[in-house]
Protein backbone atom coordinates (compact mmCIF):
# COMPACT_ATOMS: atom_id res chain seq x y z
CA MET A 1 0.00 0.00 0.00
CA THR A 2 1.12 3.55 -0.76
CA ASP A 3 2.38 5.28 2.38
CA MET A 4 0.30 8.48 2.27
CA ASN A 5 1.59 9.61 5.67
CA LEU A 6 5.13 9.71 4.26
CA ILE A 7 3.95 11.40 1.06
CA ASN A 8 2.00 14.08 2.91
CA LYS A 9 4.92 15.17 5.07
CA ARG A 10 6.58 18.40 3.97
CA TYR A 11 9.85 17.73 2.20
CA SER A 12 12.86 19.28 3.90
CA PHE A 13 16.57 18.99 3.39
CA SER A 14 19.64 20.62 4.85
CA LEU A 15 23.32 19.76 4.75
CA GLY A 16 23.81 21.29 8.16
CA GLU A 17 25.61 24.32 9.56
CA GLY A 18 28.81 26.13 8.66
CA ARG A 19 31.21 24.67 6.10
CA GLU A 20 28.61 22.26 4.74
CA GLU A 21 26.64 25.14 3.23
CA VAL A 22 29.29 25.23 0.44
CA VAL A 23 29.27 22.35 -2.06
CA TYR A 24 31.80 21.78 -4.85
CA PHE A 25 31.20 19.46 -7.83
CA ILE A 26 33.97 17.75 -9.82
CA GLY A 27 32.32 16.93 -13.13
CA ILE A 28 29.49 19.41 -12.66
CA GLY A 29 28.50 19.28 -16.35
CA GLY A 30 27.27 15.68 -16.18
CA ILE A 31 23.53 15.34 -16.50
CA GLY A 32 23.10 13.80 -13.04
CA MET A 33 25.66 16.07 -11.39
CA SER A 34 24.11 19.23 -12.82
CA ALA A 35 20.70 18.14 -11.48
CA LEU A 36 22.14 17.92 -7.95
CA ALA A 37 23.94 21.24 -8.39
CA ARG A 38 20.65 22.89 -9.31
CA PHE A 39 18.90 21.23 -6.38
CA PHE A 40 21.49 22.50 -3.88
CA GLN A 41 21.38 25.99 -5.35
CA ALA A 42 17.58 26.00 -5.01
CA SER A 43 18.05 24.93 -1.38
CA GLY A 44 20.08 28.06 -0.66
CA ILE A 45 23.49 26.35 -0.71
CA LYS A 46 26.49 27.94 -2.45
CA VAL A 47 27.52 25.78 -5.41
CA SER A 48 30.47 25.80 -7.80
CA GLY A 49 32.33 23.23 -9.83
CA TYR A 50 34.73 21.96 -12.46
CA ASP A 51 34.20 20.29 -15.79
CA LYS A 52 36.50 19.32 -18.62
CA THR A 53 34.86 21.38 -21.38
CA PRO A 54 32.12 24.00 -21.68
CA THR A 55 28.75 22.63 -22.81
CA ALA A 56 25.20 23.87 -23.10
CA LEU A 57 24.58 22.47 -19.61
CA THR A 58 27.54 24.22 -18.00
CA ARG A 59 26.62 27.48 -19.71
CA GLU A 60 23.12 27.20 -18.25
CA LEU A 61 24.61 26.56 -14.80
CA GLU A 62 26.81 29.63 -15.15
CA ALA A 63 23.86 31.73 -16.29
CA SER A 64 22.01 30.70 -13.12
CA GLY A 65 24.87 32.01 -10.96
CA ILE A 66 26.91 28.82 -10.43
CA ALA A 67 30.64 29.38 -11.00
CA VAL A 68 32.21 26.75 -13.31
CA HIS A 69 35.83 26.50 -14.47
CA TYR A 70 37.41 24.21 -17.04
CA GLU A 71 40.97 23.45 -15.97
CA GLU A 72 42.31 21.45 -13.03
CA ASN A 73 43.35 24.32 -10.81
CA VAL A 74 43.75 23.88 -7.06
CA GLU A 75 44.23 27.62 -6.60
CA VAL A 76 40.61 28.48 -7.47
CA LEU A 77 38.98 25.77 -5.35
CA PRO A 78 36.64 26.86 -2.53
CA LYS A 79 38.66 26.04 0.57
CA ASP A 80 35.54 26.30 2.76
CA ALA A 81 33.71 23.49 0.95
CA GLY A 82 31.81 21.35 3.43
CA LEU A 83 31.01 18.75 0.81
CA VAL A 84 32.80 17.72 -2.39
CA VAL A 85 30.83 15.65 -4.90
CA TYR A 86 32.48 13.78 -7.77
CA THR A 87 31.34 11.51 -10.56
CA PRO A 88 32.96 8.09 -11.06
CA ALA A 89 33.76 9.23 -14.62
CA VAL A 90 36.46 11.53 -13.16
CA PRO A 91 39.94 9.91 -13.20
CA ALA A 92 41.35 8.90 -9.80
CA GLY A 93 44.38 11.09 -10.43
CA HIS A 94 42.38 14.29 -10.99
CA ARG A 95 44.32 17.08 -9.22
CA GLU A 96 41.30 18.69 -7.59
CA LEU A 97 39.96 15.36 -6.36
CA LEU A 98 43.37 14.49 -4.90
CA TYR A 99 43.63 17.88 -3.18
CA TYR A 100 40.32 17.50 -1.38
CA ARG A 101 41.01 13.91 -0.38
CA GLU A 102 44.52 14.63 0.88
CA ASN A 103 43.36 17.59 2.95
CA GLY A 104 40.61 15.87 4.88
CA TYR A 105 37.51 17.20 3.13
CA LYS A 106 34.29 15.22 2.98
CA VAL A 107 34.41 13.73 -0.54
CA VAL A 108 31.51 11.60 -1.81
CA LYS A 109 30.12 10.20 -5.04
CA ARG A 110 27.00 11.57 -6.65
CA SER A 111 25.13 8.41 -5.63
CA ASP A 112 25.95 9.07 -1.97
CA VAL A 113 24.37 12.52 -2.23
CA LEU A 114 21.22 11.13 -3.85
CA GLN A 115 21.02 8.67 -0.99
CA LEU A 116 21.32 11.55 1.47
CA VAL A 117 18.74 13.88 -0.09
CA THR A 118 16.15 11.09 -0.44
CA ALA A 119 16.69 9.47 2.97
CA GLY A 120 13.38 10.70 4.42
CA SER A 121 11.19 10.95 1.32
CA PHE A 122 8.77 8.75 -0.62
CA ASN A 123 10.94 7.64 -3.52
CA ILE A 124 10.01 6.66 -7.07
CA CYS A 125 13.17 5.19 -8.62
CA ILE A 126 13.31 4.29 -12.31
CA ALA A 127 16.09 1.94 -13.40
CA GLY A 128 16.99 0.00 -16.54
CA THR A 129 19.46 -0.06 -19.39
CA HIS A 130 17.01 1.65 -21.78
CA GLY A 131 14.11 4.01 -21.35
CA LYS A 132 14.75 5.11 -17.79
CA THR A 133 15.35 8.78 -18.62
CA THR A 134 12.11 9.07 -20.57
CA ILE A 135 10.04 7.21 -17.97
CA THR A 136 11.60 9.23 -15.13
CA THR A 137 10.87 12.50 -16.92
CA MET A 138 7.35 11.42 -17.91
CA THR A 139 6.60 10.36 -14.33
CA ALA A 140 7.93 13.58 -12.82
CA HIS A 141 5.99 15.59 -15.39
CA LEU A 142 2.73 13.70 -14.67
CA LEU A 143 3.12 14.42 -10.96
CA ARG A 144 3.98 18.07 -11.53
CA ASP A 145 1.47 18.84 -14.29
CA SER A 146 -1.39 17.14 -12.39
CA GLY A 147 -0.70 19.21 -9.28
CA PHE A 148 0.38 16.22 -7.20
CA GLY A 149 3.94 17.58 -6.93
CA CYS A 150 7.41 16.06 -6.57
CA ASN A 151 11.11 16.72 -6.40
CA ALA A 152 12.79 15.50 -9.58
CA PHE A 153 16.32 14.29 -10.34
CA LEU A 154 16.42 13.49 -14.04
CA GLY A 155 18.98 12.10 -16.46
CA GLY A 156 17.82 14.38 -19.26
CA ILE A 157 16.39 17.84 -19.85
CA ALA A 158 12.59 17.94 -19.68
CA VAL A 159 11.54 20.08 -22.63
CA ASN A 160 8.46 21.33 -20.75
CA TYR A 161 10.63 22.93 -18.05
CA GLY A 162 14.07 23.31 -19.64
CA SER A 163 15.60 21.56 -16.63
CA ASN A 164 16.69 18.20 -15.24
CA CYS A 165 15.78 19.07 -11.64
CA TRP A 166 13.05 20.79 -9.68
CA SER A 167 11.94 21.06 -6.06
CA SER A 168 8.63 20.76 -4.28
CA GLU A 169 7.25 20.82 -0.74
CA ARG A 170 5.65 17.45 -1.50
CA ASN A 171 7.71 14.75 0.22
CA VAL A 172 8.10 12.75 -2.99
CA CYS A 173 11.27 12.31 -5.04
CA VAL A 174 11.34 10.98 -8.61
CA ILE A 175 14.84 9.70 -9.30
CA GLU A 176 16.61 8.26 -12.32
CA ALA A 177 18.35 5.24 -10.79
CA ASP A 178 21.68 4.75 -12.57
CA GLU A 179 23.10 1.23 -12.80
CA TYR A 180 26.60 2.46 -13.66
CA ASP A 181 29.01 1.77 -10.81
CA ARG A 182 26.08 0.08 -8.98
CA SER A 183 24.92 3.55 -7.89
CA PHE A 184 21.23 2.58 -7.79
CA LEU A 185 21.81 0.14 -4.94
CA LYS A 186 22.17 3.09 -2.56
CA LEU A 187 18.56 4.16 -3.09
CA SER A 188 15.50 3.14 -1.06
CA PRO A 189 12.51 2.96 -3.42
CA ASP A 190 8.86 3.02 -2.38
CA ILE A 191 8.06 2.50 -6.05
CA ALA A 192 10.68 1.06 -8.40
CA VAL A 193 10.65 0.53 -12.15
CA ILE A 194 12.97 -1.79 -14.10
CA THR A 195 12.77 -1.22 -17.85
CA ALA A 196 15.48 -3.56 -19.16
CA MET A 197 18.50 -5.56 -17.99
CA ASP A 198 20.46 -5.90 -21.25
CA ALA A 199 24.22 -6.29 -21.07
CA ASP A 200 26.01 -2.94 -20.71
CA HIS A 201 28.73 -1.38 -18.56
CA LEU A 202 30.69 -4.61 -18.76
CA ASP A 203 33.79 -2.58 -17.85
CA ILE A 204 32.18 -2.36 -14.39
CA TYR A 205 30.24 -5.63 -14.08
CA GLY A 206 32.43 -8.00 -16.06
CA THR A 207 29.56 -10.25 -17.16
CA ALA A 208 25.91 -9.87 -18.16
CA THR A 209 24.98 -12.18 -15.28
CA ALA A 210 26.66 -9.92 -12.73
CA MET A 211 24.75 -6.96 -14.13
CA GLU A 212 21.45 -8.85 -13.92
CA ASP A 213 22.29 -9.74 -10.32
CA ALA A 214 22.57 -6.02 -9.54
CA PHE A 215 19.07 -5.37 -10.88
CA ILE A 216 17.72 -8.23 -8.78
CA ASP A 217 19.39 -6.67 -5.74
CA PHE A 218 17.81 -3.33 -6.69
CA SER A 219 14.35 -4.94 -6.67
CA LYS A 220 15.05 -6.31 -3.19
CA ALA A 221 15.71 -2.74 -2.00
CA VAL A 222 12.05 -1.78 -2.49
CA LYS A 223 10.63 -0.94 0.93
CA PRO A 224 8.20 -3.33 2.66
CA GLY A 225 4.77 -2.90 1.10
CA GLY A 226 6.30 -1.09 -1.87
CA LEU A 227 5.60 -1.52 -5.57
CA LEU A 228 7.85 -2.85 -8.34
CA VAL A 229 6.87 -2.23 -11.98
CA SER A 230 8.99 -4.19 -14.46
CA GLN A 231 8.86 -4.71 -18.19
CA PHE A 232 7.03 -7.90 -19.10
CA GLY A 233 9.24 -10.75 -20.30
CA LEU A 234 12.52 -9.66 -18.72
CA LYS A 235 15.15 -12.38 -18.60
CA ARG A 236 15.28 -13.49 -14.95
CA GLY A 237 12.19 -11.37 -14.31
CA LYS A 238 10.80 -14.05 -12.00
CA GLU A 239 13.77 -13.48 -9.68
CA LEU A 240 12.82 -9.83 -9.08
CA LYS A 241 11.48 -9.33 -5.55
CA ALA A 242 8.97 -6.87 -4.07
CA ASP A 243 5.82 -7.13 -1.95
CA GLN A 244 3.80 -5.82 -4.93
CA HIS A 245 4.97 -6.58 -8.48
CA LEU A 246 3.27 -5.48 -11.71
CA THR A 247 4.51 -5.99 -15.26
CA TYR A 248 4.02 -3.59 -18.19
CA SER A 249 4.23 -4.04 -21.94
CA LEU A 250 3.57 -2.22 -25.17
CA GLN A 251 0.73 -4.50 -26.26
CA ASN A 252 1.15 -7.92 -24.65
CA GLU A 253 -2.13 -8.65 -22.90
CA SER A 254 -0.41 -11.13 -20.58
CA ALA A 255 1.15 -8.14 -18.78
CA ASP A 256 -0.65 -6.34 -15.95
CA LEU A 257 -0.39 -3.02 -17.79
CA TYR A 258 -0.35 -2.44 -21.55
CA ALA A 259 -1.48 -0.19 -24.40
CA ALA A 260 -4.35 -1.12 -26.70
CA ASN A 261 -6.01 0.30 -29.80
CA ILE A 262 -2.87 2.26 -30.83
CA ARG A 263 -3.36 4.76 -33.64
CA MET A 264 -0.64 6.84 -35.35
CA SER A 265 -1.18 10.37 -36.63
CA ASN A 266 1.51 12.78 -37.90
CA GLY A 267 4.21 11.70 -35.48
CA SER A 268 1.85 11.32 -32.50
CA TYR A 269 0.00 8.36 -30.97
CA GLU A 270 -3.45 7.82 -29.53
CA PHE A 271 -4.08 4.72 -27.45
CA ASP A 272 -5.89 3.21 -24.49
CA VAL A 273 -4.02 2.06 -21.38
CA VAL A 274 -5.15 -1.05 -19.54
CA VAL A 275 -4.15 -0.72 -15.87
CA LYS A 276 -5.17 -3.99 -14.21
CA GLU A 277 -9.00 -3.89 -14.09
CA GLU A 278 -9.49 -0.39 -15.55
CA VAL A 279 -9.00 1.24 -18.94
CA ILE A 280 -7.83 4.82 -19.55
CA GLU A 281 -9.16 5.64 -23.01
CA ASN A 282 -7.86 7.95 -25.73
CA VAL A 283 -4.49 8.90 -24.27
CA ARG A 284 -2.56 11.14 -26.69
CA LEU A 285 1.25 11.19 -26.71
CA ASN A 286 2.88 13.86 -28.85
CA MET A 287 6.24 12.11 -28.97
CA GLY A 288 7.66 9.82 -31.65
CA GLY A 289 8.66 6.19 -31.26
CA MET A 290 6.42 3.25 -30.37
CA HIS A 291 8.79 2.46 -27.49
CA ASN A 292 7.69 5.75 -25.95
CA VAL A 293 4.10 4.50 -25.87
CA GLU A 294 5.40 1.63 -23.73
CA ASN A 295 7.33 4.11 -21.59
CA ALA A 296 4.12 6.09 -21.10
CA VAL A 297 2.31 2.95 -19.90
CA ALA A 298 4.83 2.60 -17.07
CA ALA A 299 4.60 6.27 -16.09
CA ILE A 300 0.81 6.22 -16.16
CA ALA A 301 0.79 3.12 -13.95
CA ILE A 302 2.85 4.98 -11.34
CA ALA A 303 0.53 7.99 -11.44
CA ARG A 304 -2.55 5.80 -10.99
CA SER A 305 -0.91 3.95 -8.08
CA LEU A 306 -0.67 7.34 -6.36
CA GLY A 307 -4.37 7.99 -6.91
CA ILE A 308 -4.03 10.72 -9.55
CA GLU A 309 -7.28 11.08 -11.51
CA LYS A 310 -7.45 9.66 -15.04
CA GLU A 311 -8.42 12.94 -16.70
CA LYS A 312 -5.48 14.73 -15.06
CA ILE A 313 -3.16 11.96 -16.27
CA LYS A 314 -4.49 12.21 -19.84
CA ALA A 315 -4.09 15.99 -19.89
CA ALA A 316 -0.53 15.72 -18.54
CA VAL A 317 0.48 13.08 -21.12
CA GLU A 318 -0.87 15.24 -23.93
CA ASN A 319 1.04 18.24 -22.54
CA PHE A 320 4.31 16.27 -22.35
CA ARG A 321 6.79 17.72 -24.83
CA GLY A 322 9.45 15.08 -24.41
CA VAL A 323 13.07 14.95 -23.30
CA LYS A 324 15.98 16.64 -24.98
CA ARG A 325 17.82 14.10 -27.14
CA ARG A 326 15.12 11.42 -26.75
CA PHE A 327 13.46 11.05 -30.17
CA GLU A 328 13.64 14.84 -30.36
CA TYR A 329 12.44 16.52 -33.53
CA ILE A 330 15.11 19.06 -34.51
CA LEU A 331 13.44 19.89 -37.82
CA LYS A 332 10.20 18.56 -39.26
CA ASN A 333 8.60 19.52 -42.56
CA GLU A 334 7.41 17.83 -45.75
CA ARG A 335 10.95 17.49 -47.12
CA ILE A 336 12.96 16.46 -44.07
CA VAL A 337 12.38 14.99 -40.63
CA PHE A 338 15.53 15.49 -38.53
CA ILE A 339 15.54 13.49 -35.29
CA ASP A 340 18.19 13.47 -32.56
CA ASP A 341 18.49 10.79 -29.89
CA TYR A 342 20.86 9.79 -27.07
CA ALA A 343 20.76 6.12 -28.16
CA HIS A 344 24.13 4.49 -27.46
CA HIS A 345 23.27 0.79 -27.04
CA PRO A 346 22.14 -1.56 -29.84
CA GLU A 347 18.67 -2.04 -28.35
CA GLU A 348 18.18 1.71 -27.98
CA LEU A 349 19.22 2.18 -31.62
CA ARG A 350 16.83 -0.58 -32.67
CA ALA A 351 13.90 1.15 -30.97
CA LEU A 352 14.93 4.49 -32.47
CA ILE A 353 15.30 3.25 -36.05
CA ASN A 354 12.19 1.07 -35.94
CA GLY A 355 10.19 3.90 -34.42
CA ALA A 356 11.24 6.36 -37.11
CA LYS A 357 10.62 3.91 -39.94
CA SER A 358 7.17 2.98 -38.63
CA LEU A 359 6.13 6.63 -38.33
CA PHE A 360 7.56 7.68 -41.68
CA ARG A 361 7.23 4.55 -43.80
CA GLN A 362 7.87 6.04 -47.25
CA LYS A 363 10.89 8.09 -46.32
CA LYS A 364 14.53 7.03 -46.72
CA CYS A 365 16.20 6.72 -43.29
CA THR A 366 19.80 7.86 -42.83
CA VAL A 367 21.56 7.44 -39.47
CA LEU A 368 24.60 9.40 -38.28
CA PHE A 369 25.93 7.47 -35.28
CA GLN A 370 28.75 8.24 -32.86
CA PRO A 371 29.78 5.15 -30.85
CA HIS A 372 30.27 5.89 -27.14
CA LEU A 373 33.16 4.27 -25.23
CA TYR A 374 35.83 1.96 -26.61
CA SER A 375 34.80 -0.83 -24.26
CA ARG A 376 31.15 -0.72 -25.36
CA THR A 377 32.20 -0.64 -29.03
CA ARG A 378 34.45 -3.65 -28.50
CA ASP A 379 31.83 -5.63 -26.59
CA LEU A 380 28.81 -4.82 -28.76
CA ALA A 381 30.21 -4.18 -32.26
CA ALA A 382 28.27 -7.04 -33.84
CA GLY A 383 25.03 -5.86 -32.21
CA PHE A 384 25.55 -2.30 -33.43
CA ALA A 385 26.22 -3.56 -36.97
CA GLU A 386 23.11 -5.73 -37.06
CA VAL A 387 20.84 -2.91 -35.84
CA LEU A 388 22.36 -0.22 -38.08
CA ASP A 389 21.76 -2.45 -41.08
CA GLY A 390 18.10 -1.57 -40.55
CA ALA A 391 18.74 1.96 -41.81
CA ASP A 392 19.01 2.80 -45.51
CA GLU A 393 22.32 4.61 -45.07
CA VAL A 394 24.74 4.93 -42.16
CA ILE A 395 27.60 7.31 -41.41
CA LEU A 396 29.73 6.53 -38.36
CA LEU A 397 31.76 9.10 -36.46
CA PRO A 398 34.92 8.05 -34.60
CA VAL A 399 34.41 6.55 -31.13
CA TYR A 400 33.75 9.10 -28.38
CA PRO A 401 36.09 8.03 -25.53
CA ALA A 402 34.44 9.82 -22.57
CA ARG A 403 36.26 8.51 -19.47
CA GLU A 404 38.28 5.86 -21.32
CA LEU A 405 41.72 5.65 -22.87
CA PRO A 406 41.95 4.12 -26.38
CA ILE A 407 41.94 0.34 -26.69
CA GLU A 408 44.23 -0.98 -29.39
CA GLY A 409 42.35 -2.13 -32.46
CA VAL A 410 39.00 -0.75 -31.28
CA ASN A 411 37.42 1.88 -33.51
CA SER A 412 34.29 2.63 -35.53
CA GLU A 413 35.60 0.50 -38.38
CA MET A 414 34.89 -2.54 -36.14
CA ILE A 415 31.20 -1.81 -36.62
CA LEU A 416 31.50 -0.80 -40.26
CA GLU A 417 33.21 -4.01 -41.37
CA ARG A 418 30.50 -6.12 -39.72
CA MET A 419 27.65 -4.30 -41.50
CA LYS A 420 25.98 -5.85 -44.54
CA ASN A 421 24.55 -2.54 -45.75
CA GLU A 422 26.71 -1.21 -48.57
CA HIS A 423 25.68 2.41 -47.99
CA LYS A 424 28.03 3.15 -45.10
CA ALA A 425 31.13 5.15 -44.20
CA VAL A 426 33.23 6.48 -41.32
CA MET A 427 33.78 10.25 -41.29
CA GLY A 428 35.20 12.90 -38.99
CA LYS A 429 33.01 15.84 -37.98
CA GLU A 430 34.20 18.30 -40.63
CA GLU A 431 33.98 15.70 -43.38
CA LEU A 432 30.50 14.77 -42.17
CA LEU A 433 29.26 18.35 -42.36
CA ARG A 434 30.64 18.67 -45.90
CA TRP A 435 28.88 15.42 -46.80
CA VAL A 436 25.56 16.69 -45.44
CA LYS A 437 25.88 19.90 -47.43
CA GLU A 438 27.37 18.65 -50.69
CA GLN A 439 25.92 15.12 -51.02
CA TYR A 440 23.00 14.46 -48.69
CA ALA A 441 21.25 17.77 -49.28
CA ALA A 442 21.93 17.65 -53.02
CA THR A 443 20.33 14.21 -53.47
CA LEU A 444 17.41 14.61 -51.05
CA ASN A 445 14.26 12.84 -52.21
CA ARG A 446 11.81 15.71 -52.48
CA GLU A 447 8.83 13.60 -53.55
CA PHE A 448 8.55 11.47 -50.41
CA GLY A 449 10.98 13.34 -48.14
CA GLU A 450 13.64 11.77 -45.94
CA VAL A 451 14.43 11.03 -42.29
CA LEU A 452 17.85 11.97 -40.91
CA ILE A 453 18.81 10.71 -37.45
CA THR A 454 21.76 11.71 -35.27
CA ALA A 455 22.43 9.29 -32.41
CA GLY A 456 24.96 8.80 -29.62
CA ALA A 457 25.81 9.76 -26.05
CA GLY A 458 29.01 11.69 -26.83
CA ASP A 459 29.34 15.16 -28.32
CA ILE A 460 27.45 14.54 -31.57
CA ASP A 461 24.84 16.98 -30.30
CA GLY A 462 27.34 19.73 -31.11
CA LEU A 463 26.60 19.04 -34.80
CA LEU A 464 22.85 19.56 -34.48
CA GLU A 465 22.80 23.28 -35.14
CA PRO A 466 25.18 23.20 -38.15
CA ILE A 467 23.21 20.32 -39.70
CA ARG A 468 19.89 22.02 -38.97
CA ASN A 469 21.11 25.22 -40.62
CA ILE A 470 22.03 23.29 -43.76
CA LEU A 471 18.73 21.40 -43.92
CA LYS A 472 16.37 24.27 -43.20
CA GLU A 473 17.60 26.02 -46.36
CA LEU A 474 16.39 23.13 -48.56
């Protein structure tokens, strides 16, 4: 049963007195780190931080009054920091991290802070190797738009609010539960969602089995009487544990929750949602990708479990404008549909490509993909190749290394040589922009139009504006 007494408490949080009212972030530009930075700032705490390079996120933080610098410089560090937060993506030898550790400061991971700020709240924690950012953002939006209220810690930017974090007096936290570095095992969910347990982060877990074990442990962390919502048909799904357990699916009627009577119209969907014994009719989702209909089913199930009225849920879903870089329409007209997505795992790419091709059946589909991490490229090259073969044409960018050093023999050509599609190439960024301007734009099918997709978790989003500027002139 939902603990309404816990929900109806007023949310409050404080780091304490004195030095702890100053918080410093190492890796502040990360999507999860920036959410916490915004939360602390909104709580009246002085925040500053470091990141490797300026990005749209760091510029937004700076515009809000948070000081950010971009070189490892001990001289500019706040010496009165009561708390130092770092991301596991930061190298162990980072000079600022070493300084704080060697001088006795309180230094913690981002996951430790999430554990701290949610210790006394009713927690809705969404985990899984795919879909968790969208479901987290949808859920937080449903609670906010309906007037129920929540604190939100998101792994993406909610387009409705232009933010990945917001605060509320309602003692409810909606949290994207990250499996990387086993961070999600520090959370205490009242409601938990598991979307998928596909092999990923094998640099951390070693084997797919070890990763699945972590998700099973996450399910066991659901509080007594709490609710687990998991995707129907998960491998080892029967091993997931919670006092209440519901399954959701896109259309499989064997699940507890599913969509029915799905209709497509100009990039949007209308459908009914079956939630156990009741039906919510004529839900409209103005977001592309059939997988996002399934994501909406999970979010709607959470909202109903909290007692939010059906009409408020339907209005909130229709008002949902999506998540930045999650099947995001960058440009959409009769000639060209330009979609950007964060997809960086084969199954995410499969959902993205299939979703685009089902919505725009007559249009040629070209994918520009930037592999993310050498280890993931090495481990999943064959899977990437098989999925990318589903596009009509594919251009690969070089691997984005993120936190990793190069691995000998691992590059984008590993994927390319495994692809059966003959319309493929590897290009650097400048060459790619020339190709878009001189070849792609020049041969665009103007009768049926075309779909162009950029995908990846690296810095491919820096190409969006140049590509958009080329395409909008067509």
